[in-house]
Amino acid sequence: MTAVTEITTPAGAGRAAEAAPVTMAGALNRALRDALAADPDVHLLGEDIGALGGVFRVTDGLAAAFGEERVSDTPLAEAGILGTAVGMAMYGLRPVVEMQFDAFAYPAFEQLVSHVAKMRNRTRGALPMPLTIRIPYGGGIGGVEHHSDASEAYYTHTPGLHVVAPATVPDAYALLRAAIASDDPVVFLEPKRLYWSKGLLEPSPGPAVLGRAAVRRPGTSATLITYGPSLPVCLEAAEAATAEGWDLEVVDLRTLVPFDDETVCASVRRTGRAVVVHEAQGFSGFGAEIAARITERCFHHLAAPVLRVTGLDIPYPPPMLERFHLPDVDRILDAVGRLQWEYDITEEQK
């Protein structure tokens, strides 16, 4: 899990910067359009992705541009969609599947675990599995249950899968291109609450990389480690923390598998304190793995235990209550305060 996988994206990934900001949904649309144009083996499959352009309009206009054979509407049968994509990948195509909502992907879980994740290993590398599974995930949009799950732990626990969770517009473009170019299966988690965030599509400085985190804000007091929809919340918390005299570093994982131990541990060794933030439930969540890895690798640099700020250990709540469930600035600052005060060791205690 510590390996860094470098993937050279097809022509078009290093396009000139946009003159005006685009939304994350628009960046994903551009990535799909460029991948379809660059490689005739790329095919899109999913429910309502053709004429409708998808529930979130991420595939808007692609069927008209590339035809129904390349951008295909499917029945409401997730196991069938993914099973079909497995066969396409075995025959050398590069299918990109859209699961309409996070929890809608669960009917396809058997295909994912038994075939998608295992095929390359089962055949000793004879059959690559160049398959990308796009999953709009997470809360913050007022959706009911089955429409707001943060299900990343299921996928990160499955050997054979890469798992990606972009949090910025440039990353949404570059990482999706890298995922489609990969010969390994990639679960691509798209944070729904960030679909309408805006940013510039900057020129790529080189090959896109899966397995490398980014320091979004340098700091010295503690490290906030996060990904996907929680990144803006962590950045807001870091700005608010300056009023308390805390200088927080924010690390965006970008890719959950492979995991970038190098960047995460270097940050924690600098600051001596760490808080992991994600929307999913805390118990057995991905944050527990991050906390364990930091403790194992950075124990002698830690001034306090690694803390977690997560969703509550409950099924996703009704829309009116989701603000109590999702991590927010106050909960993050409370955790940082605990790191600074509850676990400080005085000279007398030493």
Protein backbone atom coordinates (compact mmCIF):
# COMPACT_ATOMS: atom_id res chain seq x y z
CA MET A 1 0.00 0.00 0.00
CA THR A 2 2.97 2.30 0.28
CA ALA A 3 3.93 2.06 -3.37
CA VAL A 4 3.46 5.05 -5.63
CA THR A 5 1.93 4.23 -9.00
CA GLU A 6 2.81 6.70 -11.76
CA ILE A 7 0.55 6.68 -14.80
CA THR A 8 1.16 8.74 -17.89
CA THR A 9 -2.18 10.15 -18.96
CA PRO A 10 -3.13 10.17 -22.66
CA ALA A 11 -2.67 13.28 -24.77
CA GLY A 12 -4.83 16.14 -23.59
CA ALA A 13 -4.16 15.88 -19.86
CA GLY A 14 -1.78 18.82 -20.01
CA ARG A 15 -4.14 21.18 -21.78
CA ALA A 16 -3.85 24.93 -21.26
CA ALA A 17 -5.45 26.46 -18.23
CA GLU A 18 -9.07 27.46 -18.60
CA ALA A 19 -9.74 31.19 -18.94
CA ALA A 20 -12.51 30.95 -16.36
CA PRO A 21 -13.11 28.65 -13.39
CA VAL A 22 -15.03 25.44 -14.01
CA THR A 23 -16.98 23.28 -11.60
CA MET A 24 -15.73 19.91 -10.42
CA ALA A 25 -18.56 18.30 -12.40
CA GLY A 26 -17.34 20.19 -15.46
CA ALA A 27 -13.75 19.04 -14.88
CA LEU A 28 -14.91 15.42 -14.64
CA ASN A 29 -16.90 15.87 -17.84
CA ARG A 30 -13.80 17.26 -19.57
CA ALA A 31 -11.71 14.34 -18.33
CA LEU A 32 -14.20 11.83 -19.71
CA ARG A 33 -14.48 13.72 -23.00
CA ASP A 34 -10.70 13.87 -23.42
CA ALA A 35 -10.30 10.18 -22.53
CA LEU A 36 -12.97 9.17 -25.06
CA ALA A 37 -11.32 11.29 -27.74
CA ALA A 38 -7.83 9.98 -26.99
CA ASP A 39 -8.59 6.25 -26.83
CA PRO A 40 -11.29 4.38 -28.80
CA ASP A 41 -11.18 1.60 -26.21
CA VAL A 42 -12.72 3.88 -23.55
CA HIS A 43 -16.45 3.23 -23.08
CA LEU A 44 -18.87 4.71 -20.54
CA LEU A 45 -21.69 2.71 -18.95
CA GLY A 46 -24.32 3.67 -16.41
CA GLU A 47 -27.89 4.50 -15.57
CA ASP A 48 -29.15 7.62 -17.36
CA ILE A 49 -25.66 8.73 -18.42
CA GLY A 50 -26.60 9.04 -22.11
CA ALA A 51 -29.32 11.46 -23.20
CA LEU A 52 -29.88 12.74 -19.64
CA GLY A 53 -26.19 13.22 -18.94
CA GLY A 54 -26.35 11.56 -15.54
CA VAL A 55 -28.13 12.63 -12.36
CA PHE A 56 -25.40 15.21 -11.71
CA ARG A 57 -24.87 15.96 -15.44
CA VAL A 58 -21.26 14.77 -15.31
CA THR A 59 -21.69 12.98 -18.66
CA ASP A 60 -23.72 15.77 -20.27
CA GLY A 61 -23.22 15.93 -24.05
CA LEU A 62 -20.92 12.90 -24.29
CA ALA A 63 -23.47 10.56 -25.91
CA ALA A 64 -24.21 13.15 -28.55
CA ALA A 65 -20.49 13.62 -29.23
CA PHE A 66 -19.37 9.98 -29.21
CA GLY A 67 -22.50 7.94 -29.89
CA GLU A 68 -24.55 5.44 -27.92
CA GLU A 69 -22.03 2.65 -28.51
CA ARG A 70 -19.38 4.56 -26.54
CA VAL A 71 -21.67 6.18 -23.95
CA SER A 72 -24.31 3.60 -23.07
CA ASP A 73 -27.41 3.83 -20.91
CA THR A 74 -27.93 0.64 -18.92
CA PRO A 75 -30.82 -0.99 -17.05
CA LEU A 76 -31.18 -0.35 -13.31
CA ALA A 77 -29.05 -3.38 -12.46
CA GLU A 78 -25.74 -2.50 -10.83
CA ALA A 79 -24.46 -6.08 -10.65
CA GLY A 80 -25.17 -6.46 -14.36
CA ILE A 81 -23.49 -3.16 -15.20
CA LEU A 82 -20.29 -4.06 -13.39
CA GLY A 83 -20.35 -7.67 -14.62
CA THR A 84 -20.59 -6.41 -18.19
CA ALA A 85 -17.70 -4.04 -17.58
CA VAL A 86 -15.55 -6.90 -16.25
CA GLY A 87 -16.04 -8.75 -19.53
CA MET A 88 -15.25 -5.64 -21.55
CA ALA A 89 -12.04 -5.09 -19.60
CA MET A 90 -11.03 -8.73 -20.08
CA TYR A 91 -11.34 -8.20 -23.85
CA GLY A 92 -9.06 -5.18 -23.79
CA LEU A 93 -11.51 -2.27 -23.53
CA ARG A 94 -11.34 0.44 -20.87
CA PRO A 95 -14.84 0.71 -19.41
CA VAL A 96 -15.79 3.55 -17.07
CA VAL A 97 -18.83 2.67 -14.99
CA GLU A 98 -21.00 5.18 -13.13
CA MET A 99 -22.87 4.03 -10.04
CA GLN A 100 -25.62 6.62 -9.69
CA PHE A 101 -25.26 7.04 -5.90
CA ASP A 102 -22.88 5.63 -3.30
CA ALA A 103 -25.25 3.12 -1.71
CA PHE A 104 -26.58 2.08 -5.13
CA ALA A 105 -23.21 0.40 -5.69
CA TYR A 106 -23.82 -2.23 -3.01
CA PRO A 107 -25.75 -4.64 -5.30
CA ALA A 108 -22.57 -4.83 -7.41
CA PHE A 109 -20.31 -5.53 -4.44
CA GLU A 110 -19.99 -9.24 -5.16
CA GLN A 111 -18.77 -8.50 -8.69
CA LEU A 112 -16.32 -5.97 -7.28
CA VAL A 113 -14.81 -8.24 -4.64
CA SER A 114 -14.94 -11.58 -6.45
CA HIS A 115 -13.95 -10.51 -9.96
CA VAL A 116 -12.85 -6.89 -10.37
CA ALA A 117 -10.36 -6.93 -7.50
CA LYS A 118 -9.06 -10.46 -8.05
CA MET A 119 -8.87 -10.97 -11.82
CA ARG A 120 -5.34 -9.71 -12.39
CA ASN A 121 -3.97 -11.68 -9.43
CA ARG A 122 -5.99 -14.77 -10.33
CA THR A 123 -4.49 -14.84 -13.83
CA ARG A 124 -0.94 -14.00 -12.66
CA GLY A 125 -1.10 -10.73 -14.56
CA ALA A 126 -2.26 -12.25 -17.85
CA LEU A 127 -5.55 -10.34 -17.67
CA PRO A 128 -5.26 -6.70 -16.63
CA MET A 129 -8.43 -5.05 -15.34
CA PRO A 130 -8.44 -1.47 -16.76
CA LEU A 131 -11.79 -0.60 -15.22
CA THR A 132 -12.82 2.65 -13.52
CA ILE A 133 -15.86 2.73 -11.23
CA ARG A 134 -17.14 6.27 -10.64
CA ILE A 135 -19.19 6.63 -7.46
CA PRO A 136 -20.76 9.93 -6.36
CA TYR A 137 -20.40 9.67 -2.59
CA GLY A 138 -20.82 11.45 0.72
CA GLY A 139 -23.35 13.79 2.25
CA GLY A 140 -23.91 17.50 2.52
CA ILE A 141 -26.57 17.78 -0.21
CA GLY A 142 -29.67 17.04 1.86
CA GLY A 143 -30.05 13.53 0.46
CA VAL A 144 -31.88 10.73 2.23
CA GLU A 145 -30.36 7.36 3.11
CA HIS A 146 -28.94 5.38 0.16
CA HIS A 147 -27.92 8.75 -1.32
CA SER A 148 -25.30 10.03 1.13
CA ASP A 149 -23.09 7.13 2.26
CA ALA A 150 -19.34 7.46 2.71
CA SER A 151 -18.43 3.89 1.81
CA GLU A 152 -14.70 4.15 1.21
CA ALA A 153 -13.73 1.63 3.92
CA TYR A 154 -15.41 -1.21 2.01
CA TYR A 155 -13.19 -0.53 -0.99
CA THR A 156 -9.94 0.24 0.81
CA HIS A 157 -10.31 -3.08 2.66
CA THR A 158 -10.47 -4.99 -0.65
CA PRO A 159 -7.01 -5.96 -1.95
CA GLY A 160 -6.57 -5.38 -5.66
CA LEU A 161 -8.38 -2.06 -5.87
CA HIS A 162 -7.02 1.46 -6.13
CA VAL A 163 -9.25 3.98 -4.35
CA VAL A 164 -9.20 7.68 -5.27
CA ALA A 165 -11.03 10.62 -3.66
CA PRO A 166 -10.34 14.03 -5.28
CA ALA A 167 -11.12 17.23 -3.44
CA THR A 168 -10.17 19.93 -5.96
CA VAL A 169 -11.12 20.74 -9.54
CA PRO A 170 -7.62 20.11 -11.00
CA ASP A 171 -7.38 16.80 -9.14
CA ALA A 172 -10.80 15.71 -10.34
CA TYR A 173 -9.57 16.06 -13.92
CA ALA A 174 -6.03 14.71 -13.56
CA LEU A 175 -6.84 11.80 -11.25
CA LEU A 176 -9.77 10.63 -13.38
CA ARG A 177 -7.52 10.62 -16.45
CA ALA A 178 -4.94 8.65 -14.49
CA ALA A 179 -7.59 6.20 -13.26
CA ILE A 180 -8.84 5.52 -16.80
CA ALA A 181 -5.27 5.02 -18.01
CA SER A 182 -4.49 2.53 -15.23
CA ASP A 183 -4.35 -1.20 -15.96
CA ASP A 184 -5.61 -1.85 -12.43
CA PRO A 185 -9.22 -1.31 -11.31
CA VAL A 186 -9.90 2.05 -9.69
CA VAL A 187 -12.82 3.01 -7.46
CA PHE A 188 -13.17 6.75 -8.09
CA LEU A 189 -15.11 8.45 -5.29
CA GLU A 190 -16.58 11.79 -6.35
CA PRO A 191 -17.68 14.04 -3.46
CA LYS A 192 -21.20 15.14 -4.32
CA ARG A 193 -21.10 18.24 -2.14
CA LEU A 194 -18.12 19.51 -4.18
CA TYR A 195 -19.59 18.96 -7.66
CA TRP A 196 -20.42 22.67 -7.86
CA SER A 197 -17.17 23.97 -6.35
CA LYS A 198 -15.07 25.90 -8.84
CA GLY A 199 -11.42 26.09 -9.79
CA LEU A 200 -9.03 26.43 -12.72
CA LEU A 201 -7.96 23.52 -14.88
CA GLU A 202 -4.24 24.14 -14.67
CA PRO A 203 -1.69 22.66 -17.09
CA SER A 204 -0.32 19.34 -15.86
CA PRO A 205 3.41 19.57 -14.93
CA GLY A 206 3.92 15.88 -15.81
CA PRO A 207 2.38 12.43 -15.50
CA ALA A 208 -0.61 12.16 -13.19
CA VAL A 209 0.15 10.15 -10.08
CA LEU A 210 -1.96 7.76 -8.03
CA GLY A 211 -0.61 7.28 -4.54
CA ARG A 212 0.67 10.73 -3.67
CA ALA A 213 -0.85 13.07 -1.11
CA ALA A 214 -0.61 16.89 -1.13
CA VAL A 215 0.05 19.39 1.65
CA ARG A 216 -2.70 21.95 1.06
CA ARG A 217 -1.68 24.22 3.94
CA PRO A 218 1.66 24.15 5.81
CA GLY A 219 1.64 24.46 9.58
CA THR A 220 3.51 23.66 12.78
CA SER A 221 0.98 23.00 15.59
CA ALA A 222 -0.78 19.85 14.36
CA THR A 223 -1.64 18.00 11.14
CA LEU A 224 -5.17 17.59 9.82
CA ILE A 225 -5.34 14.57 7.51
CA THR A 226 -8.37 14.32 5.24
CA TYR A 227 -9.66 13.68 1.73
CA GLY A 228 -12.62 14.31 -0.56
CA PRO A 229 -15.51 16.34 0.83
CA SER A 230 -13.83 17.07 4.18
CA LEU A 231 -10.93 19.05 2.71
CA PRO A 232 -12.74 22.44 2.54
CA VAL A 233 -13.95 21.94 6.13
CA CYS A 234 -10.40 21.26 7.31
CA LEU A 235 -9.05 24.30 5.50
CA GLU A 236 -11.76 26.44 7.08
CA ALA A 237 -10.92 25.00 10.48
CA ALA A 238 -7.22 25.73 9.95
CA GLU A 239 -7.99 29.36 9.18
CA ALA A 240 -10.26 29.64 12.22
CA ALA A 241 -7.57 28.05 14.40
CA THR A 242 -5.26 31.02 13.91
CA ALA A 243 -7.45 32.96 16.34
CA GLU A 244 -6.39 30.45 19.02
CA GLY A 245 -2.75 30.73 18.05
CA TRP A 246 -2.68 27.32 16.35
CA ASP A 247 -0.91 26.85 13.03
CA LEU A 248 -2.46 23.76 11.44
CA GLU A 249 -1.04 21.81 8.52
CA VAL A 250 -3.63 20.22 6.19
CA VAL A 251 -2.79 17.07 4.20
CA ASP A 252 -5.11 15.97 1.38
CA LEU A 253 -4.64 12.25 0.75
CA ARG A 254 -6.08 12.36 -2.80
CA THR A 255 -5.53 8.61 -3.14
CA LEU A 256 -6.52 6.27 -0.31
CA VAL A 257 -4.99 3.19 -1.95
CA PRO A 258 -2.06 3.29 -2.62
CA PHE A 259 -1.50 5.21 0.64
CA ASP A 260 1.20 7.87 0.79
CA ASP A 261 2.92 7.06 4.09
CA GLU A 262 5.86 9.27 3.18
CA THR A 263 3.96 12.57 2.94
CA VAL A 264 1.66 11.86 5.89
CA CYS A 265 4.43 10.73 8.22
CA ALA A 266 6.75 13.58 7.25
CA SER A 267 4.02 16.04 8.20
CA VAL A 268 3.21 14.37 11.51
CA ARG A 269 6.88 14.16 12.45
CA ARG A 270 7.13 17.92 11.90
CA THR A 271 4.06 18.85 13.95
CA GLY A 272 3.98 16.05 16.55
CA ARG A 273 0.18 15.90 16.57
CA ALA A 274 -2.45 14.58 14.16
CA VAL A 275 -6.22 14.63 13.66
CA VAL A 276 -7.88 12.50 10.97
CA VAL A 277 -11.13 13.89 9.53
CA HIS A 278 -13.67 12.08 7.35
CA GLU A 279 -17.44 11.85 6.87
CA ALA A 280 -17.79 8.08 7.31
CA GLN A 281 -18.59 6.50 10.66
CA GLY A 282 -15.68 6.34 13.08
CA PHE A 283 -15.88 2.69 14.11
CA SER A 284 -13.76 0.62 11.68
CA GLY A 285 -13.57 3.64 9.39
CA PHE A 286 -10.61 4.43 7.15
CA GLY A 287 -9.42 6.92 9.75
CA ALA A 288 -8.61 4.03 12.08
CA GLU A 289 -6.16 2.65 9.52
CA ILE A 290 -4.56 6.09 9.13
CA ALA A 291 -4.24 6.46 12.90
CA ALA A 292 -2.66 3.01 13.19
CA ARG A 293 -0.16 3.70 10.42
CA ILE A 294 0.87 7.02 11.99
CA THR A 295 1.23 5.44 15.44
CA GLU A 296 3.37 2.60 14.09
CA ARG A 297 5.64 4.86 12.04
CA CYS A 298 5.74 8.08 14.08
CA PHE A 299 5.34 6.93 17.69
CA HIS A 300 8.46 8.63 19.04
CA HIS A 301 7.52 11.91 17.35
CA LEU A 302 3.99 12.08 18.76
CA ALA A 303 3.24 14.46 21.62
CA ALA A 304 -0.35 13.15 21.86
CA PRO A 305 -2.52 10.29 20.58
CA VAL A 306 -3.87 10.48 17.05
CA LEU A 307 -7.48 11.70 17.24
CA ARG A 308 -10.34 11.26 14.77
CA VAL A 309 -13.24 13.52 13.83
CA THR A 310 -15.79 11.49 11.89
CA GLY A 311 -19.44 10.91 11.19
CA LEU A 312 -21.49 9.36 13.97
CA ASP A 313 -21.80 5.57 14.27
CA ILE A 314 -25.35 5.54 12.92
CA PRO A 315 -27.11 4.99 9.57
CA TYR A 316 -27.09 8.22 7.60
CA PRO A 317 -29.61 10.59 9.24
CA PRO A 318 -32.51 12.48 7.62
CA PRO A 319 -31.55 15.68 5.76
CA MET A 320 -32.60 17.99 8.62
CA LEU A 321 -30.12 16.26 10.95
CA GLU A 322 -27.11 15.72 8.71
CA ARG A 323 -25.39 18.87 9.97
CA PHE A 324 -25.04 17.15 13.35
CA HIS A 325 -23.61 14.03 11.73
CA LEU A 326 -20.96 15.53 9.46
CA PRO A 327 -17.64 16.83 10.84
CA ASP A 328 -17.61 20.60 11.11
CA VAL A 329 -15.20 23.35 12.13
CA ASP A 330 -16.20 23.30 15.79
CA ARG A 331 -15.65 19.56 16.17
CA ILE A 332 -12.27 19.77 14.44
CA LEU A 333 -11.14 22.68 16.63
CA ASP A 334 -12.33 20.81 19.72
CA ALA A 335 -10.11 17.87 18.76
CA VAL A 336 -7.15 20.17 18.15
CA GLY A 337 -7.79 21.77 21.53
CA ARG A 338 -7.64 18.36 23.17
CA LEU A 339 -4.31 17.69 21.49
CA GLN A 340 -2.93 20.98 22.74
CA TRP A 341 -4.18 20.82 26.34
CA GLU A 342 -5.34 17.41 27.52
CA TYR A 343 -2.22 15.62 26.39
CA ASP A 344 0.44 18.22 27.13
CA ILE A 345 3.08 16.92 29.52
CA THR A 346 4.33 19.51 31.97
CA GLU A 347 7.88 19.64 33.30
CA GLU A 348 6.61 18.49 36.72
CA GLN A 349 4.97 15.43 35.13
CA LYS A 350 8.20 14.56 33.36
